Amino acid sequence: MQQINHKYNDYLITSDKAKADIVAIHKWLSKESYWKKDIAFDVIKGAVENSFCINILFNEEQVGFGRLITDYTTFAYLADVYIVEEHRKKGLSKVMIELMLGLDWVKALRKIMLATLDAQALYAQYGFIPINNPERFMEFSPVTTFDNDQNNM
C-alpha cells in the first residue's frame, strides 16, 4: 500500500500511523469539531487504527488530520479532516487532499464520499459534487436505534 511522507514548508504530512498522536486527535475532535463532540477516546483510537490516516505534524506536534474509511479497492469515505486554528490558511488542507487523492490506489476507487457543513468550496476544487440521486441514500444508526429499543422495553 502506498504511503505518504511529504515535507511541506516546516510541516510533515505523513500516513505513518506510528506518528499519529491519538490523544491530540481525540482532544481536537471531541472538543473542537462540530461532528464528534464528546466522542469517547476508544472510538477515535479504533477509527484511526481501522482507516487510512493522514497526519500533519509541526515540530512533531499533531496540527492536522484526515482519514479515509475504505476497503482500499472500490470505495472510501473522507472523514475527520481538520487543521488546528493557528495553522490554518497555509494551504495544509489543500496539500493533504491533493496527496490523498493522488495515491494510485485512491485514483482507482469507484467512489469517494464525504459530508461537510461548511467546506463545500474546498472539496469542489477537487471534483467533489453534491450526491446524485440523494433519495437513494439511507442511513442507520445502530447505537441510537438499539438504545431507544432498550429504553422502550
N, C-alpha and C. Protein backbone atom coordinates (compact mmCIF):
# COMPACT_ATOMS: atom_id res chain seq x y z
N MET A 1 0.85 -1.18 0.00
CA MET A 1 0.00 0.00 0.00
C MET A 1 0.89 1.24 0.00
N GLN A 2 0.59 2.17 -0.89
CA GLN A 2 1.34 3.43 -0.96
C GLN A 2 1.20 4.21 0.34
N GLN A 3 2.28 4.81 0.74
CA GLN A 3 2.28 5.64 1.93
C GLN A 3 2.61 7.09 1.54
N ILE A 4 2.33 8.00 2.43
CA ILE A 4 2.64 9.41 2.22
C ILE A 4 3.65 9.85 3.28
N ASN A 5 4.73 10.45 2.83
CA ASN A 5 5.71 11.12 3.69
C ASN A 5 6.18 12.32 2.90
N HIS A 6 5.59 13.47 3.17
CA HIS A 6 5.80 14.65 2.36
C HIS A 6 6.15 15.84 3.24
N LYS A 7 7.23 16.52 2.89
CA LYS A 7 7.61 17.75 3.59
C LYS A 7 6.95 18.92 2.87
N TYR A 8 6.30 19.77 3.63
CA TYR A 8 5.66 20.97 3.09
C TYR A 8 6.02 22.12 4.03
N ASN A 9 6.88 23.02 3.56
CA ASN A 9 7.41 24.08 4.41
C ASN A 9 7.97 23.45 5.68
N ASP A 10 7.49 23.83 6.85
CA ASP A 10 8.00 23.27 8.10
C ASP A 10 7.16 22.12 8.62
N TYR A 11 6.33 21.55 7.77
CA TYR A 11 5.38 20.51 8.17
C TYR A 11 5.76 19.16 7.56
N LEU A 12 5.42 18.11 8.27
CA LEU A 12 5.49 16.76 7.74
C LEU A 12 4.06 16.27 7.58
N ILE A 13 3.72 15.85 6.37
CA ILE A 13 2.41 15.26 6.10
C ILE A 13 2.68 13.79 5.84
N THR A 14 2.14 12.94 6.70
CA THR A 14 2.50 11.52 6.66
C THR A 14 1.31 10.61 6.95
N SER A 15 1.33 9.47 6.33
CA SER A 15 0.33 8.45 6.64
C SER A 15 0.88 7.40 7.60
N ASP A 16 2.04 7.64 8.15
CA ASP A 16 2.65 6.74 9.12
C ASP A 16 1.85 6.79 10.43
N LYS A 17 1.12 5.72 10.73
CA LYS A 17 0.27 5.69 11.93
C LYS A 17 1.08 5.77 13.22
N ALA A 18 2.33 5.36 13.16
CA ALA A 18 3.18 5.45 14.35
C ALA A 18 3.41 6.91 14.75
N LYS A 19 3.23 7.83 13.82
CA LYS A 19 3.43 9.24 14.12
C LYS A 19 2.13 9.93 14.56
N ALA A 20 1.01 9.24 14.51
CA ALA A 20 -0.27 9.83 14.91
C ALA A 20 -0.33 9.99 16.42
N ASP A 21 -0.71 11.17 16.86
CA ASP A 21 -0.90 11.44 18.29
C ASP A 21 -2.40 11.29 18.58
N ILE A 22 -2.80 10.09 18.97
CA ILE A 22 -4.22 9.78 19.19
C ILE A 22 -4.82 10.69 20.26
N VAL A 23 -4.05 11.02 21.27
CA VAL A 23 -4.56 11.90 22.34
C VAL A 23 -4.90 13.27 21.75
N ALA A 24 -4.01 13.83 20.94
CA ALA A 24 -4.25 15.14 20.33
C ALA A 24 -5.41 15.08 19.34
N ILE A 25 -5.49 14.01 18.56
CA ILE A 25 -6.58 13.85 17.61
C ILE A 25 -7.91 13.78 18.35
N HIS A 26 -7.96 12.97 19.38
CA HIS A 26 -9.18 12.85 20.18
C HIS A 26 -9.55 14.19 20.81
N LYS A 27 -8.58 14.86 21.38
CA LYS A 27 -8.85 16.14 22.03
C LYS A 27 -9.48 17.12 21.05
N TRP A 28 -8.90 17.24 19.85
CA TRP A 28 -9.44 18.19 18.89
C TRP A 28 -10.84 17.78 18.43
N LEU A 29 -10.99 16.52 18.05
CA LEU A 29 -12.30 16.07 17.55
C LEU A 29 -13.39 16.17 18.61
N SER A 30 -13.07 15.81 19.85
CA SER A 30 -14.10 15.79 20.90
C SER A 30 -14.40 17.18 21.47
N LYS A 31 -13.47 18.11 21.33
CA LYS A 31 -13.66 19.45 21.90
C LYS A 31 -13.92 20.53 20.86
N GLU A 32 -13.32 20.42 19.68
CA GLU A 32 -13.37 21.49 18.68
C GLU A 32 -14.30 21.22 17.51
N SER A 33 -14.46 19.97 17.11
CA SER A 33 -15.26 19.69 15.92
C SER A 33 -16.75 19.83 16.21
N TYR A 34 -17.52 20.06 15.18
CA TYR A 34 -18.98 20.08 15.34
C TYR A 34 -19.56 18.69 15.13
N TRP A 35 -18.79 17.79 14.57
CA TRP A 35 -19.32 16.48 14.20
C TRP A 35 -18.98 15.36 15.16
N LYS A 36 -18.08 15.56 16.11
CA LYS A 36 -17.71 14.47 17.02
C LYS A 36 -17.60 14.95 18.46
N LYS A 37 -18.35 15.96 18.83
CA LYS A 37 -18.29 16.49 20.19
C LYS A 37 -18.46 15.38 21.21
N ASP A 38 -17.59 15.37 22.20
CA ASP A 38 -17.67 14.45 23.34
C ASP A 38 -17.53 12.97 22.96
N ILE A 39 -16.95 12.67 21.83
CA ILE A 39 -16.77 11.27 21.43
C ILE A 39 -15.72 10.60 22.34
N ALA A 40 -15.93 9.35 22.61
CA ALA A 40 -15.03 8.61 23.51
C ALA A 40 -13.66 8.38 22.87
N PHE A 41 -12.64 8.38 23.70
CA PHE A 41 -11.26 8.17 23.24
C PHE A 41 -11.14 6.84 22.50
N ASP A 42 -11.70 5.76 23.05
CA ASP A 42 -11.58 4.44 22.42
C ASP A 42 -12.20 4.39 21.03
N VAL A 43 -13.23 5.18 20.81
CA VAL A 43 -13.85 5.24 19.48
C VAL A 43 -12.89 5.87 18.48
N ILE A 44 -12.25 6.95 18.87
CA ILE A 44 -11.27 7.60 17.98
C ILE A 44 -10.07 6.69 17.76
N LYS A 45 -9.62 6.05 18.81
CA LYS A 45 -8.48 5.12 18.69
C LYS A 45 -8.79 4.02 17.67
N GLY A 46 -9.97 3.43 17.77
CA GLY A 46 -10.37 2.39 16.83
C GLY A 46 -10.53 2.93 15.42
N ALA A 47 -11.06 4.13 15.29
CA ALA A 47 -11.24 4.74 13.97
C ALA A 47 -9.89 4.96 13.28
N VAL A 48 -8.92 5.44 14.04
CA VAL A 48 -7.59 5.66 13.47
C VAL A 48 -6.95 4.33 13.09
N GLU A 49 -7.06 3.33 13.95
CA GLU A 49 -6.46 2.03 13.67
C GLU A 49 -7.06 1.38 12.42
N ASN A 50 -8.32 1.66 12.12
CA ASN A 50 -9.01 0.97 11.04
C ASN A 50 -9.26 1.82 9.80
N SER A 51 -8.50 2.89 9.64
CA SER A 51 -8.65 3.78 8.49
C SER A 51 -7.28 4.11 7.91
N PHE A 52 -7.29 4.65 6.70
CA PHE A 52 -6.07 5.21 6.12
C PHE A 52 -6.02 6.66 6.59
N CYS A 53 -5.02 7.00 7.37
CA CYS A 53 -4.98 8.32 8.03
C CYS A 53 -3.83 9.16 7.50
N ILE A 54 -4.07 10.46 7.51
CA ILE A 54 -3.05 11.44 7.18
C ILE A 54 -2.84 12.33 8.40
N ASN A 55 -1.62 12.47 8.81
CA ASN A 55 -1.26 13.30 9.94
C ASN A 55 -0.45 14.49 9.44
N ILE A 56 -0.74 15.66 9.97
CA ILE A 56 0.07 16.83 9.68
C ILE A 56 0.77 17.21 10.97
N LEU A 57 2.09 17.21 10.92
CA LEU A 57 2.90 17.46 12.10
C LEU A 57 3.74 18.71 11.92
N PHE A 58 3.82 19.49 12.96
CA PHE A 58 4.68 20.68 13.01
C PHE A 58 5.56 20.50 14.24
N ASN A 59 6.86 20.37 14.03
CA ASN A 59 7.78 20.06 15.14
C ASN A 59 7.29 18.85 15.93
N GLU A 60 6.85 17.83 15.24
CA GLU A 60 6.35 16.57 15.80
C GLU A 60 5.04 16.71 16.56
N GLU A 61 4.41 17.88 16.52
CA GLU A 61 3.11 18.09 17.16
C GLU A 61 2.00 17.92 16.13
N GLN A 62 0.95 17.18 16.48
CA GLN A 62 -0.18 16.94 15.60
C GLN A 62 -0.97 18.23 15.43
N VAL A 63 -0.99 18.78 14.20
CA VAL A 63 -1.73 20.02 13.94
C VAL A 63 -2.80 19.84 12.87
N GLY A 64 -2.88 18.65 12.30
CA GLY A 64 -3.90 18.37 11.30
C GLY A 64 -4.09 16.88 11.15
N PHE A 65 -5.23 16.53 10.57
CA PHE A 65 -5.58 15.11 10.46
C PHE A 65 -6.69 14.95 9.43
N GLY A 66 -6.76 13.79 8.86
CA GLY A 66 -7.85 13.39 7.99
C GLY A 66 -7.75 11.89 7.79
N ARG A 67 -8.87 11.26 7.43
CA ARG A 67 -8.80 9.82 7.22
C ARG A 67 -9.76 9.39 6.13
N LEU A 68 -9.39 8.32 5.48
CA LEU A 68 -10.25 7.64 4.52
C LEU A 68 -10.71 6.34 5.15
N ILE A 69 -12.00 6.19 5.29
CA ILE A 69 -12.59 4.92 5.73
C ILE A 69 -12.80 4.15 4.43
N THR A 70 -12.11 3.03 4.26
CA THR A 70 -12.05 2.44 2.93
C THR A 70 -11.83 0.93 2.92
N ASP A 71 -12.23 0.32 1.81
CA ASP A 71 -11.87 -1.08 1.56
C ASP A 71 -10.63 -1.16 0.68
N TYR A 72 -10.05 0.00 0.32
CA TYR A 72 -8.85 0.13 -0.49
C TYR A 72 -9.02 -0.36 -1.93
N THR A 73 -10.23 -0.68 -2.35
CA THR A 73 -10.44 -1.24 -3.67
C THR A 73 -11.52 -0.51 -4.46
N THR A 74 -12.67 -0.23 -3.81
CA THR A 74 -13.79 0.34 -4.56
C THR A 74 -14.35 1.63 -3.96
N PHE A 75 -14.23 1.83 -2.67
CA PHE A 75 -14.96 2.92 -2.01
C PHE A 75 -14.17 3.50 -0.85
N ALA A 76 -14.36 4.80 -0.63
CA ALA A 76 -13.80 5.46 0.55
C ALA A 76 -14.73 6.58 0.98
N TYR A 77 -14.69 6.86 2.26
CA TYR A 77 -15.43 7.96 2.85
C TYR A 77 -14.41 8.84 3.56
N LEU A 78 -14.31 10.09 3.12
CA LEU A 78 -13.36 11.03 3.71
C LEU A 78 -13.97 11.61 4.97
N ALA A 79 -13.23 11.54 6.07
CA ALA A 79 -13.80 11.95 7.36
C ALA A 79 -12.76 12.62 8.25
N ASP A 80 -13.26 13.35 9.22
CA ASP A 80 -12.47 13.89 10.33
C ASP A 80 -11.31 14.78 9.90
N VAL A 81 -11.50 15.50 8.81
CA VAL A 81 -10.46 16.41 8.33
C VAL A 81 -10.45 17.67 9.19
N TYR A 82 -9.28 18.00 9.71
CA TYR A 82 -9.16 19.26 10.45
C TYR A 82 -7.73 19.77 10.41
N ILE A 83 -7.62 21.08 10.60
CA ILE A 83 -6.35 21.76 10.80
C ILE A 83 -6.54 22.62 12.06
N VAL A 84 -5.62 22.53 13.00
CA VAL A 84 -5.68 23.34 14.21
C VAL A 84 -5.67 24.83 13.80
N GLU A 85 -6.48 25.60 14.49
CA GLU A 85 -6.72 27.02 14.14
C GLU A 85 -5.45 27.80 13.80
N GLU A 86 -4.43 27.72 14.63
CA GLU A 86 -3.25 28.54 14.38
C GLU A 86 -2.43 28.12 13.16
N HIS A 87 -2.76 27.00 12.57
CA HIS A 87 -2.03 26.51 11.39
C HIS A 87 -2.88 26.59 10.11
N ARG A 88 -4.04 27.20 10.19
CA ARG A 88 -4.92 27.35 9.02
C ARG A 88 -4.41 28.46 8.11
N LYS A 89 -4.95 28.45 6.90
CA LYS A 89 -4.63 29.46 5.87
C LYS A 89 -3.17 29.37 5.42
N LYS A 90 -2.63 28.17 5.46
CA LYS A 90 -1.26 27.93 5.00
C LYS A 90 -1.24 26.89 3.87
N GLY A 91 -2.42 26.51 3.40
CA GLY A 91 -2.51 25.54 2.32
C GLY A 91 -2.42 24.10 2.75
N LEU A 92 -2.44 23.85 4.05
CA LEU A 92 -2.25 22.48 4.56
C LEU A 92 -3.39 21.54 4.15
N SER A 93 -4.63 21.99 4.27
CA SER A 93 -5.74 21.10 3.91
C SER A 93 -5.69 20.78 2.42
N LYS A 94 -5.33 21.75 1.60
CA LYS A 94 -5.24 21.51 0.16
C LYS A 94 -4.15 20.50 -0.16
N VAL A 95 -2.99 20.66 0.45
CA VAL A 95 -1.89 19.72 0.21
C VAL A 95 -2.30 18.32 0.69
N MET A 96 -2.93 18.23 1.85
CA MET A 96 -3.35 16.93 2.36
C MET A 96 -4.32 16.25 1.39
N ILE A 97 -5.32 16.98 0.92
CA ILE A 97 -6.31 16.41 0.00
C ILE A 97 -5.63 16.01 -1.31
N GLU A 98 -4.76 16.85 -1.84
CA GLU A 98 -4.05 16.53 -3.09
C GLU A 98 -3.21 15.28 -2.95
N LEU A 99 -2.50 15.16 -1.83
CA LEU A 99 -1.68 13.97 -1.61
C LEU A 99 -2.54 12.71 -1.51
N MET A 100 -3.64 12.80 -0.78
CA MET A 100 -4.54 11.64 -0.65
C MET A 100 -5.11 11.24 -2.01
N LEU A 101 -5.66 12.21 -2.71
CA LEU A 101 -6.31 11.90 -3.99
C LEU A 101 -5.31 11.49 -5.06
N GLY A 102 -4.04 11.81 -4.87
CA GLY A 102 -3.01 11.45 -5.83
C GLY A 102 -2.46 10.04 -5.70
N LEU A 103 -2.81 9.35 -4.65
CA LEU A 103 -2.34 7.97 -4.48
C LEU A 103 -2.95 7.07 -5.54
N ASP A 104 -2.16 6.18 -6.12
CA ASP A 104 -2.65 5.31 -7.19
C ASP A 104 -3.88 4.51 -6.77
N TRP A 105 -3.87 3.95 -5.56
CA TRP A 105 -4.99 3.13 -5.13
C TRP A 105 -6.24 3.98 -4.92
N VAL A 106 -6.07 5.25 -4.54
CA VAL A 106 -7.22 6.15 -4.37
C VAL A 106 -7.78 6.51 -5.74
N LYS A 107 -6.90 6.78 -6.70
CA LYS A 107 -7.37 7.11 -8.06
C LYS A 107 -8.14 5.97 -8.69
N ALA A 108 -7.91 4.73 -8.24
CA ALA A 108 -8.60 3.56 -8.80
C ALA A 108 -9.96 3.29 -8.14
N LEU A 109 -10.29 4.00 -7.06
CA LEU A 109 -11.57 3.79 -6.38
C LEU A 109 -12.73 4.21 -7.27
N ARG A 110 -13.86 3.55 -7.12
CA ARG A 110 -15.06 3.91 -7.88
C ARG A 110 -15.73 5.16 -7.33
N LYS A 111 -15.65 5.35 -6.01
CA LYS A 111 -16.35 6.49 -5.40
C LYS A 111 -15.69 6.86 -4.08
N ILE A 112 -15.62 8.17 -3.85
CA ILE A 112 -15.21 8.72 -2.56
C ILE A 112 -16.32 9.68 -2.15
N MET A 113 -16.79 9.53 -0.94
CA MET A 113 -17.86 10.40 -0.44
C MET A 113 -17.38 11.14 0.80
N LEU A 114 -18.09 12.19 1.13
CA LEU A 114 -17.84 12.93 2.36
C LEU A 114 -19.09 13.70 2.72
N ALA A 115 -19.11 14.18 3.94
CA ALA A 115 -20.17 15.08 4.40
C ALA A 115 -19.48 16.27 5.04
N THR A 116 -19.97 17.47 4.73
CA THR A 116 -19.39 18.67 5.33
C THR A 116 -20.46 19.73 5.49
N LEU A 117 -20.37 20.45 6.56
CA LEU A 117 -21.29 21.54 6.83
C LEU A 117 -20.87 22.82 6.12
N ASP A 118 -19.55 23.03 6.02
CA ASP A 118 -19.08 24.34 5.59
C ASP A 118 -17.87 24.36 4.65
N ALA A 119 -17.42 23.22 4.16
CA ALA A 119 -16.21 23.21 3.33
C ALA A 119 -16.48 22.73 1.90
N GLN A 120 -17.69 22.93 1.41
CA GLN A 120 -18.02 22.50 0.05
C GLN A 120 -17.09 23.12 -0.99
N ALA A 121 -16.76 24.40 -0.84
CA ALA A 121 -15.91 25.07 -1.81
C ALA A 121 -14.51 24.43 -1.87
N LEU A 122 -13.98 24.05 -0.73
CA LEU A 122 -12.67 23.38 -0.71
C LEU A 122 -12.74 22.09 -1.52
N TYR A 123 -13.71 21.25 -1.21
CA TYR A 123 -13.78 19.94 -1.86
C TYR A 123 -14.20 20.02 -3.32
N ALA A 124 -14.98 21.03 -3.68
CA ALA A 124 -15.38 21.21 -5.08
C ALA A 124 -14.16 21.43 -5.97
N GLN A 125 -13.11 22.04 -5.44
CA GLN A 125 -11.88 22.25 -6.21
C GLN A 125 -11.27 20.94 -6.70
N TYR A 126 -11.60 19.86 -6.02
CA TYR A 126 -11.01 18.55 -6.35
C TYR A 126 -12.02 17.63 -7.04
N GLY A 127 -13.15 18.18 -7.44
CA GLY A 127 -14.11 17.40 -8.20
C GLY A 127 -15.26 16.82 -7.40
N PHE A 128 -15.32 17.06 -6.11
CA PHE A 128 -16.46 16.58 -5.32
C PHE A 128 -17.69 17.40 -5.71
N ILE A 129 -18.80 16.70 -5.87
CA ILE A 129 -20.07 17.32 -6.25
C ILE A 129 -21.17 16.83 -5.31
N PRO A 130 -22.30 17.54 -5.26
CA PRO A 130 -23.41 17.02 -4.46
C PRO A 130 -23.81 15.63 -4.96
N ILE A 131 -24.35 14.83 -4.07
CA ILE A 131 -24.73 13.46 -4.40
C ILE A 131 -25.80 13.44 -5.48
N ASN A 132 -25.57 12.64 -6.51
CA ASN A 132 -26.62 12.37 -7.49
C ASN A 132 -27.64 11.46 -6.84
N ASN A 133 -28.89 11.71 -7.07
CA ASN A 133 -29.97 10.87 -6.55
C ASN A 133 -29.91 10.69 -5.03
N PRO A 134 -29.92 11.77 -4.27
CA PRO A 134 -29.83 11.62 -2.82
C PRO A 134 -30.98 10.80 -2.24
N GLU A 135 -32.08 10.71 -2.97
CA GLU A 135 -33.21 9.92 -2.48
C GLU A 135 -32.89 8.43 -2.41
N ARG A 136 -31.82 8.00 -3.04
CA ARG A 136 -31.41 6.60 -2.98
C ARG A 136 -30.61 6.27 -1.73
N PHE A 137 -30.09 7.27 -1.06
CA PHE A 137 -29.22 7.05 0.09
C PHE A 137 -30.01 7.00 1.37
N MET A 138 -29.60 6.11 2.24
CA MET A 138 -30.24 5.96 3.54
C MET A 138 -29.15 5.84 4.59
N GLU A 139 -29.53 5.98 5.81
CA GLU A 139 -28.58 5.78 6.90
C GLU A 139 -29.27 5.03 8.03
N PHE A 140 -28.45 4.43 8.85
CA PHE A 140 -28.93 3.68 10.01
C PHE A 140 -27.95 3.92 11.14
N SER A 141 -28.44 4.25 12.30
CA SER A 141 -27.59 4.50 13.46
C SER A 141 -27.88 3.45 14.52
N PRO A 142 -27.14 2.32 14.52
CA PRO A 142 -27.41 1.24 15.45
C PRO A 142 -27.43 1.66 16.92
N VAL A 143 -26.49 2.48 17.33
CA VAL A 143 -26.43 2.87 18.74
C VAL A 143 -27.71 3.58 19.14
N THR A 144 -28.14 4.54 18.36
CA THR A 144 -29.36 5.28 18.66
C THR A 144 -30.58 4.38 18.59
N THR A 145 -30.67 3.58 17.55
CA THR A 145 -31.82 2.71 17.36
C THR A 145 -31.95 1.70 18.48
N PHE A 146 -30.85 1.01 18.81
CA PHE A 146 -30.93 -0.03 19.82
C PHE A 146 -31.06 0.56 21.22
N ASP A 147 -30.46 1.72 21.46
CA ASP A 147 -30.65 2.37 22.76
C ASP A 147 -32.12 2.73 22.96
N ASN A 148 -32.77 3.24 21.94
CA ASN A 148 -34.19 3.58 22.03
C ASN A 148 -35.04 2.35 22.26
N ASP A 149 -34.70 1.24 21.60
CA ASP A 149 -35.45 0.00 21.79
C ASP A 149 -35.35 -0.47 23.23
N GLN A 150 -34.15 -0.39 23.82
CA GLN A 150 -33.97 -0.84 25.20
C GLN A 150 -34.71 0.07 26.18
N ASN A 151 -34.75 1.37 25.86
CA ASN A 151 -35.46 2.30 26.74
C ASN A 151 -36.97 2.10 26.68
N ASN A 152 -37.46 1.54 25.59
CA ASN A 152 -38.91 1.32 25.44
C ASN A 152 -39.36 -0.04 25.99
N MET A 153 -38.45 -0.85 26.48
CA MET A 153 -38.82 -2.18 26.98
C MET A 153 -39.41 -2.09 28.37
